[in-house]
């Protein structure tokens, strides 16, 4: 993360420059220091961080792939703008996944991990009235990561990281004002997890995203969670698949489509997760051609998703993570070791 040097400029430590820049720029976007629609000029950013333009360009490409930045021909990069339809879609997906995360945590409630979550809850509640937005943001992130650790589903956590980044821009402005209420809601989720009540934990997690400005979107999400829950109860045997990898044919088809797309340099692999009897989420690890812009990347993802959905309509979302083959292989090895 960036730190202040003697000239009051942000400096980067000796970790890979690109990743450091990604984190620094993400923090500025989340905090609102870089506003929605604001241009991100490579030359200015390279001067600000005292680095060459190459790592700045790569950092902007990674942020574009995660949806926080838009790169347009002849205009360059800018902070992404989130219109009404996209906000609704993001909240719908995140509410469903947050609910699944809490449900899995309640099913697998490990006493030692719950103790760590209780300590975070106590610290967050204590700081809720402090007004320190940065401290509360860090504690909130730690709470969700700890809840994810109890849920024990690495694929779900990796998908959620990108989705939380995109939606945090939306929720950040109201987080400080309702901090006490936020942590009361966190406490309710924890009680449901300790009790081992997955349906209540999932419902409360979805309610965390309640936003009147989105015209009841969160209520619709909660209704969808209840509908899925009822369906799963009616289909007990398939319900046991929730949180598990989908049928290998889905991943194989995504790879088959991806490797033939002209905008991809290479497809490294696919991870999938069963969200319900007929609901699958997939993540594709890939490298794009260097000269591809955001519209081309988005079109590429749409082509792949559309082609796969024609054969597997249960695919509800496809996330693409820009990674080198080495990073993907290391990540897969870590997942196997953890499992």
Protein backbone atom coordinates (compact mmCIF):
# COMPACT_ATOMS: atom_id res chain seq x y z
CA UNK A 1 0.00 0.00 0.00
CA UNK A 2 1.20 3.55 -0.59
CA UNK A 3 3.07 5.38 2.15
CA UNK A 4 4.20 8.96 2.46
CA UNK A 5 7.82 9.81 1.72
CA UNK A 6 9.76 12.96 2.45
CA UNK A 7 8.23 14.83 -0.51
CA UNK A 8 4.70 13.95 0.61
CA UNK A 9 4.30 11.77 -2.48
CA UNK A 10 2.96 8.22 -2.26
CA UNK A 11 5.81 5.74 -2.51
CA UNK A 12 5.73 2.03 -3.30
CA UNK A 13 7.58 -0.68 -1.42
CA UNK A 14 9.62 -3.46 -3.03
CA UNK A 15 6.64 -5.69 -3.87
CA UNK A 16 5.84 -5.97 -7.58
CA UNK A 17 5.15 -2.44 -8.78
CA UNK A 18 2.05 -3.28 -10.76
CA UNK A 19 0.26 -4.89 -7.83
CA UNK A 20 1.26 -2.03 -5.56
CA UNK A 21 -0.17 0.45 -8.05
CA UNK A 22 -3.37 -1.58 -8.39
CA UNK A 23 -3.87 -1.47 -4.61
CA UNK A 24 -3.00 2.23 -4.36
CA UNK A 25 -5.37 3.24 -7.15
CA UNK A 26 -8.12 0.95 -5.85
CA UNK A 27 -7.85 2.66 -2.46
CA UNK A 28 -8.15 6.10 -4.05
CA UNK A 29 -11.23 5.00 -6.02
CA UNK A 30 -12.88 3.38 -2.98
CA UNK A 31 -12.31 6.43 -0.82
CA UNK A 32 -13.71 8.77 -3.46
CA UNK A 33 -10.41 10.60 -3.87
CA UNK A 34 -10.67 9.57 -7.51
CA UNK A 35 -14.25 10.39 -8.48
CA UNK A 36 -16.54 8.49 -10.83
CA UNK A 37 -15.69 9.45 -14.42
CA UNK A 38 -12.39 11.15 -13.48
CA UNK A 39 -9.64 10.71 -16.07
CA UNK A 40 -6.57 8.68 -15.11
CA UNK A 41 -3.64 10.11 -17.06
CA UNK A 42 -0.66 7.73 -17.23
CA UNK A 43 1.96 10.48 -17.23
CA UNK A 44 0.47 12.18 -14.19
CA UNK A 45 0.15 8.91 -12.28
CA UNK A 46 3.71 7.88 -13.09
CA UNK A 47 4.94 11.19 -11.66
CA UNK A 48 2.73 10.88 -8.59
CA UNK A 49 4.02 7.41 -7.75
CA UNK A 50 7.59 7.94 -9.06
CA UNK A 51 7.44 4.99 -11.45
CA UNK A 52 7.60 4.52 -15.22
CA UNK A 53 4.47 4.48 -17.33
CA UNK A 54 4.64 0.72 -18.03
CA UNK A 55 3.50 -0.49 -14.57
CA UNK A 56 0.90 2.32 -14.52
CA UNK A 57 -0.51 1.09 -17.84
CA UNK A 58 -0.62 -2.52 -16.62
CA UNK A 59 -2.28 -1.49 -13.32
CA UNK A 60 -4.99 0.39 -15.23
CA UNK A 61 -5.60 -2.67 -17.42
CA UNK A 62 -6.06 -4.87 -14.35
CA UNK A 63 -8.45 -2.37 -12.78
CA UNK A 64 -10.35 -2.24 -16.09
CA UNK A 65 -10.68 -6.03 -16.07
CA UNK A 66 -12.15 -5.86 -12.55
CA UNK A 67 -14.64 -3.17 -13.61
CA UNK A 68 -13.29 -0.22 -11.62
CA UNK A 69 -11.72 1.56 -14.60
CA UNK A 70 -12.81 2.16 -18.19
CA UNK A 71 -10.24 2.40 -21.03
CA UNK A 72 -11.53 4.01 -24.21
CA UNK A 73 -9.81 4.61 -27.58
CA UNK A 74 -8.42 8.17 -27.98
CA UNK A 75 -9.61 9.09 -24.49
CA UNK A 76 -7.59 6.79 -22.29
CA UNK A 77 -8.52 5.58 -18.82
CA UNK A 78 -11.07 6.93 -16.38
CA UNK A 79 -12.82 5.79 -13.20
CA UNK A 80 -15.85 3.70 -14.10
CA UNK A 81 -19.34 5.17 -13.89
CA UNK A 82 -22.07 2.90 -12.55
CA UNK A 83 -25.49 3.45 -14.12
CA UNK A 84 -28.79 2.31 -12.62
CA UNK A 85 -29.14 -1.02 -14.45
CA UNK A 86 -25.58 -2.06 -13.70
CA UNK A 87 -25.96 -1.13 -10.03
CA UNK A 88 -29.09 -3.25 -9.80
CA UNK A 89 -27.34 -6.23 -11.41
CA UNK A 90 -24.27 -5.91 -9.19
CA UNK A 91 -26.35 -5.72 -6.02
CA UNK A 92 -28.47 -8.69 -7.07
CA UNK A 93 -25.45 -10.90 -7.66
CA UNK A 94 -23.58 -9.74 -4.57
CA UNK A 95 -26.63 -10.20 -2.32
CA UNK A 96 -27.03 -13.77 -3.52
CA UNK A 97 -23.33 -14.58 -3.05
CA UNK A 98 -23.12 -12.89 0.37
CA UNK A 99 -26.13 -14.98 1.41
CA UNK A 100 -24.45 -18.15 0.19
CA UNK A 101 -21.24 -17.20 2.03
CA UNK A 102 -23.12 -16.73 5.32
CA UNK A 103 -25.13 -19.94 4.83
CA UNK A 104 -21.96 -21.98 4.35
CA UNK A 105 -20.39 -20.35 7.41
CA UNK A 106 -23.42 -21.30 9.50
CA UNK A 107 -23.24 -24.90 8.29
CA UNK A 108 -19.51 -25.20 9.02
CA UNK A 109 -19.31 -23.01 12.15
CA UNK A 110 -15.82 -23.75 13.42
CA UNK A 111 -15.50 -22.66 17.10
CA UNK A 112 -11.92 -21.36 16.79
CA UNK A 113 -12.67 -19.29 13.70
CA UNK A 114 -15.89 -18.00 15.27
CA UNK A 115 -13.83 -16.75 18.23
CA UNK A 116 -11.68 -14.70 15.83
CA UNK A 117 -14.84 -13.32 14.22
CA UNK A 118 -16.22 -12.36 17.64
CA UNK A 119 -13.03 -10.42 18.39
CA UNK A 120 -13.37 -8.50 15.11
CA UNK A 121 -17.01 -7.78 15.89
CA UNK A 122 -16.11 -6.38 19.31
CA UNK A 123 -13.45 -4.13 17.77
CA UNK A 124 -15.79 -2.94 15.03
CA UNK A 125 -18.60 -2.18 17.48
CA UNK A 126 -16.17 -0.26 19.68
CA UNK A 127 -14.99 1.87 16.73
CA UNK A 128 -18.44 2.36 15.18
CA UNK A 129 -18.86 5.77 16.82
CA UNK A 130 -15.27 6.93 16.30
CA UNK A 131 -15.92 8.44 12.87
CA UNK A 132 -12.66 6.98 11.51
CA UNK A 133 -13.83 5.76 8.10
CA UNK A 134 -10.48 4.17 7.21
CA UNK A 135 -10.38 2.04 10.37
CA UNK A 136 -14.00 0.94 9.94
CA UNK A 137 -13.41 0.05 6.28
CA UNK A 138 -10.47 -2.19 7.21
CA UNK A 139 -12.42 -3.85 10.03
CA UNK A 140 -15.42 -4.41 7.76
CA UNK A 141 -13.19 -6.05 5.16
CA UNK A 142 -11.59 -8.24 7.84
CA UNK A 143 -15.04 -9.27 9.09
CA UNK A 144 -16.16 -10.46 5.66
CA UNK A 145 -12.84 -12.23 5.03
CA UNK A 146 -13.11 -13.99 8.40
CA UNK A 147 -16.70 -15.01 7.63
CA UNK A 148 -15.46 -16.34 4.29
CA UNK A 149 -12.76 -18.34 6.06
CA UNK A 150 -15.46 -20.05 8.14
CA UNK A 151 -17.46 -20.71 4.96
CA UNK A 152 -14.38 -22.56 3.67
CA UNK A 153 -15.03 -22.14 -0.04
CA UNK A 154 -11.98 -20.68 -1.80
CA UNK A 155 -13.71 -20.35 -5.18
CA UNK A 156 -16.53 -18.29 -3.67
CA UNK A 157 -14.06 -15.99 -1.90
CA UNK A 158 -12.10 -15.33 -5.08
CA UNK A 159 -15.26 -14.42 -6.99
CA UNK A 160 -16.42 -12.18 -4.12
CA UNK A 161 -13.18 -10.17 -4.02
CA UNK A 162 -13.77 -8.66 -7.45
CA UNK A 163 -17.49 -8.15 -6.85
CA UNK A 164 -16.92 -6.40 -3.51
CA UNK A 165 -14.44 -4.05 -5.17
CA UNK A 166 -17.01 -2.94 -7.74
CA UNK A 167 -19.87 -2.54 -5.28
CA UNK A 168 -17.82 -0.93 -2.49
CA UNK A 169 -17.71 2.26 -4.55
CA UNK A 170 -21.49 2.31 -4.26
CA UNK A 171 -21.74 1.52 -0.54
CA UNK A 172 -18.77 3.52 0.78
CA UNK A 173 -20.54 6.93 0.99
CA UNK A 174 -23.19 5.66 3.40
CA UNK A 175 -21.00 3.29 5.43
CA UNK A 176 -19.68 5.84 7.93
CA UNK A 177 -23.09 7.42 8.57
CA UNK A 178 -24.69 4.09 9.45
CA UNK A 179 -21.64 2.43 11.06
CA UNK A 180 -23.42 1.55 14.36
CA UNK A 181 -26.27 -0.08 12.43
CA UNK A 182 -23.79 -1.92 10.17
CA UNK A 183 -22.09 -3.55 13.13
CA UNK A 184 -25.41 -4.42 14.77
CA UNK A 185 -26.26 -6.25 11.55
CA UNK A 186 -22.85 -7.95 11.62
CA UNK A 187 -23.63 -9.12 15.17
CA UNK A 188 -26.95 -10.59 14.01
CA UNK A 189 -25.18 -12.55 11.26
CA UNK A 190 -22.63 -13.85 13.77
CA UNK A 191 -25.40 -14.99 16.14
CA UNK A 192 -27.02 -16.93 13.30
CA UNK A 193 -23.68 -18.51 12.40
CA UNK A 194 -23.03 -19.52 16.01
CA UNK A 195 -26.56 -20.91 16.23
CA UNK A 196 -25.94 -22.91 13.06
CA UNK A 197 -28.96 -21.43 11.25
CA UNK A 198 -27.89 -21.14 7.57
CA UNK A 199 -31.18 -19.75 6.26
CA UNK A 200 -31.29 -16.91 8.80
CA UNK A 201 -27.57 -16.15 8.31
CA UNK A 202 -28.07 -15.94 4.54
CA UNK A 203 -31.10 -13.71 4.83
CA UNK A 204 -29.33 -11.30 7.20
CA UNK A 205 -26.26 -11.16 4.95
CA UNK A 206 -28.44 -10.21 1.97
CA UNK A 207 -30.13 -7.51 4.06
CA UNK A 208 -26.76 -5.82 4.62
CA UNK A 209 -27.05 -4.54 1.05
CA UNK A 210 -30.43 -2.87 1.58
CA UNK A 211 -30.41 0.51 -0.25
CA UNK A 212 -33.60 2.54 -0.73
CA UNK A 213 -31.94 4.48 -3.55
CA UNK A 214 -32.04 1.32 -5.64
CA UNK A 215 -35.84 1.10 -5.42
CA UNK A 216 -36.08 -2.03 -3.34
CA UNK A 217 -33.41 -4.02 -5.15
CA UNK A 218 -32.21 -5.59 -1.91
CA UNK A 219 -35.74 -6.69 -1.03
CA UNK A 220 -35.99 -8.40 -4.39
CA UNK A 221 -32.65 -10.08 -3.74
CA UNK A 222 -33.86 -11.35 -0.37
CA UNK A 223 -36.99 -12.67 -2.02
CA UNK A 224 -34.84 -14.47 -4.58
CA UNK A 225 -32.74 -15.97 -1.78
CA UNK A 226 -35.91 -17.27 -0.10
CA UNK A 227 -37.15 -18.65 -3.41
CA UNK A 228 -33.86 -20.44 -4.01
CA UNK A 229 -33.92 -21.77 -0.44
CA UNK A 230 -37.42 -23.17 -0.91
CA UNK A 231 -36.38 -24.75 -4.19
CA UNK A 232 -33.31 -26.31 -2.59
CA UNK A 233 -35.39 -27.76 0.22
CA UNK A 234 -37.65 -29.30 -2.38
CA UNK A 235 -34.62 -30.75 -4.15
CA UNK A 236 -32.58 -32.04 -1.19
CA UNK A 237 -30.19 -34.22 -3.13
CA UNK A 238 -29.18 -31.48 -5.52
CA UNK A 239 -29.12 -28.98 -2.69
CA UNK A 240 -26.13 -30.87 -1.29
CA UNK A 241 -24.14 -29.61 -4.30
CA UNK A 242 -24.32 -25.95 -3.24
CA UNK A 243 -20.82 -24.54 -2.90
CA UNK A 244 -19.27 -27.48 -4.78
CA UNK A 245 -17.69 -27.40 -8.27
CA UNK A 246 -20.11 -27.66 -11.17
CA UNK A 247 -20.03 -30.50 -13.71
CA UNK A 248 -16.61 -30.58 -15.46
CA UNK A 249 -18.35 -30.20 -18.82
CA UNK A 250 -19.13 -26.55 -18.00
CA UNK A 251 -15.47 -25.68 -17.40
CA UNK A 252 -14.40 -27.66 -20.45
CA UNK A 253 -16.85 -25.78 -22.67
CA UNK A 254 -15.73 -22.38 -21.37
CA UNK A 255 -12.11 -23.28 -22.11
CA UNK A 256 -13.02 -24.56 -25.57
CA UNK A 257 -14.76 -21.28 -26.42
CA UNK A 258 -12.13 -19.08 -24.77
CA UNK A 259 -9.09 -20.50 -26.56
CA UNK A 260 -10.61 -19.65 -29.94
CA UNK A 261 -11.45 -16.02 -29.12
CA UNK A 262 -9.21 -13.56 -31.00
CA UNK A 263 -8.99 -11.09 -28.09
CA UNK A 264 -7.47 -13.62 -25.66
CA UNK A 265 -3.75 -14.23 -25.61
CA UNK A 266 -4.31 -17.42 -23.60
CA UNK A 267 -6.86 -19.07 -21.32
CA UNK A 268 -5.22 -20.54 -18.22
CA UNK A 269 -8.12 -22.41 -16.68
CA UNK A 270 -11.62 -22.28 -15.24
CA UNK A 271 -13.03 -22.73 -11.75
CA UNK A 272 -16.77 -23.25 -11.21
CA UNK A 273 -19.16 -23.26 -8.27
CA UNK A 274 -22.67 -24.67 -7.91
CA UNK A 275 -24.94 -22.01 -6.33
CA UNK A 276 -28.15 -24.02 -6.60
CA UNK A 277 -29.65 -26.96 -8.49
CA UNK A 278 -29.68 -24.97 -11.75
CA UNK A 279 -27.28 -22.10 -10.96
CA UNK A 280 -23.56 -22.07 -11.72
CA UNK A 281 -20.97 -19.30 -11.36
CA UNK A 282 -17.65 -19.61 -13.23
CA UNK A 283 -14.34 -17.76 -13.19
CA UNK A 284 -11.97 -17.79 -16.16
CA UNK A 285 -8.28 -17.04 -15.64
CA UNK A 286 -6.93 -15.46 -18.82
CA UNK A 287 -4.48 -13.08 -20.45
CA UNK A 288 -5.69 -10.55 -23.02
CA UNK A 289 -3.75 -9.26 -26.01
CA UNK A 290 -1.76 -6.17 -24.99
CA UNK A 291 -3.55 -3.74 -27.29
CA UNK A 292 -7.10 -4.69 -26.27
CA UNK A 293 -9.24 -1.92 -24.76
CA UNK A 294 -12.12 -2.19 -22.28
CA UNK A 295 -14.92 -2.40 -24.93
CA UNK A 296 -13.07 -5.25 -26.65
CA UNK A 297 -12.51 -7.07 -23.35
CA UNK A 298 -16.18 -6.69 -22.41
CA UNK A 299 -17.24 -7.92 -25.85
CA UNK A 300 -14.92 -10.91 -25.47
CA UNK A 301 -16.43 -11.86 -22.11
CA UNK A 302 -19.95 -11.48 -23.52
CA UNK A 303 -19.12 -13.72 -26.50
CA UNK A 304 -17.75 -16.46 -24.28
CA UNK A 305 -20.65 -16.25 -21.80
CA UNK A 306 -23.28 -16.26 -24.56
CA UNK A 307 -21.74 -19.26 -26.33
CA UNK A 308 -21.55 -21.29 -23.12
CA UNK A 309 -25.06 -20.31 -21.95
CA UNK A 310 -26.50 -21.64 -25.22
CA UNK A 311 -25.34 -25.07 -24.13
CA UNK A 312 -25.46 -24.61 -20.32
CA UNK A 313 -28.28 -22.16 -19.40
CA UNK A 314 -27.56 -22.77 -15.71
CA UNK A 315 -24.48 -20.51 -16.01
CA UNK A 316 -25.67 -17.32 -14.28
CA UNK A 317 -22.39 -15.38 -14.26
CA UNK A 318 -18.92 -15.57 -15.77
CA UNK A 319 -16.08 -13.64 -14.10
CA UNK A 320 -12.77 -13.14 -15.86
CA UNK A 321 -9.58 -12.68 -13.81
CA UNK A 322 -6.47 -11.39 -15.65
CA UNK A 323 -3.58 -13.65 -14.58
CA UNK A 324 -0.37 -15.06 -15.97
CA UNK A 325 -0.18 -18.88 -16.25
CA UNK A 326 2.35 -18.91 -13.40
CA UNK A 327 0.06 -16.99 -11.03
CA UNK A 328 -2.90 -19.21 -11.94
CA UNK A 329 -0.88 -22.39 -11.37
CA UNK A 330 0.33 -21.13 -8.00
CA UNK A 331 -3.22 -20.21 -7.00
CA UNK A 332 -4.55 -23.65 -7.97
CA UNK A 333 -1.78 -25.34 -6.01
CA UNK A 334 -2.67 -23.26 -2.94
CA UNK A 335 -6.36 -24.16 -3.29
CA UNK A 336 -5.54 -27.88 -3.46
CA UNK A 337 -3.31 -27.59 -0.42
CA UNK A 338 -6.02 -25.79 1.57
CA UNK A 339 -8.59 -28.36 0.58
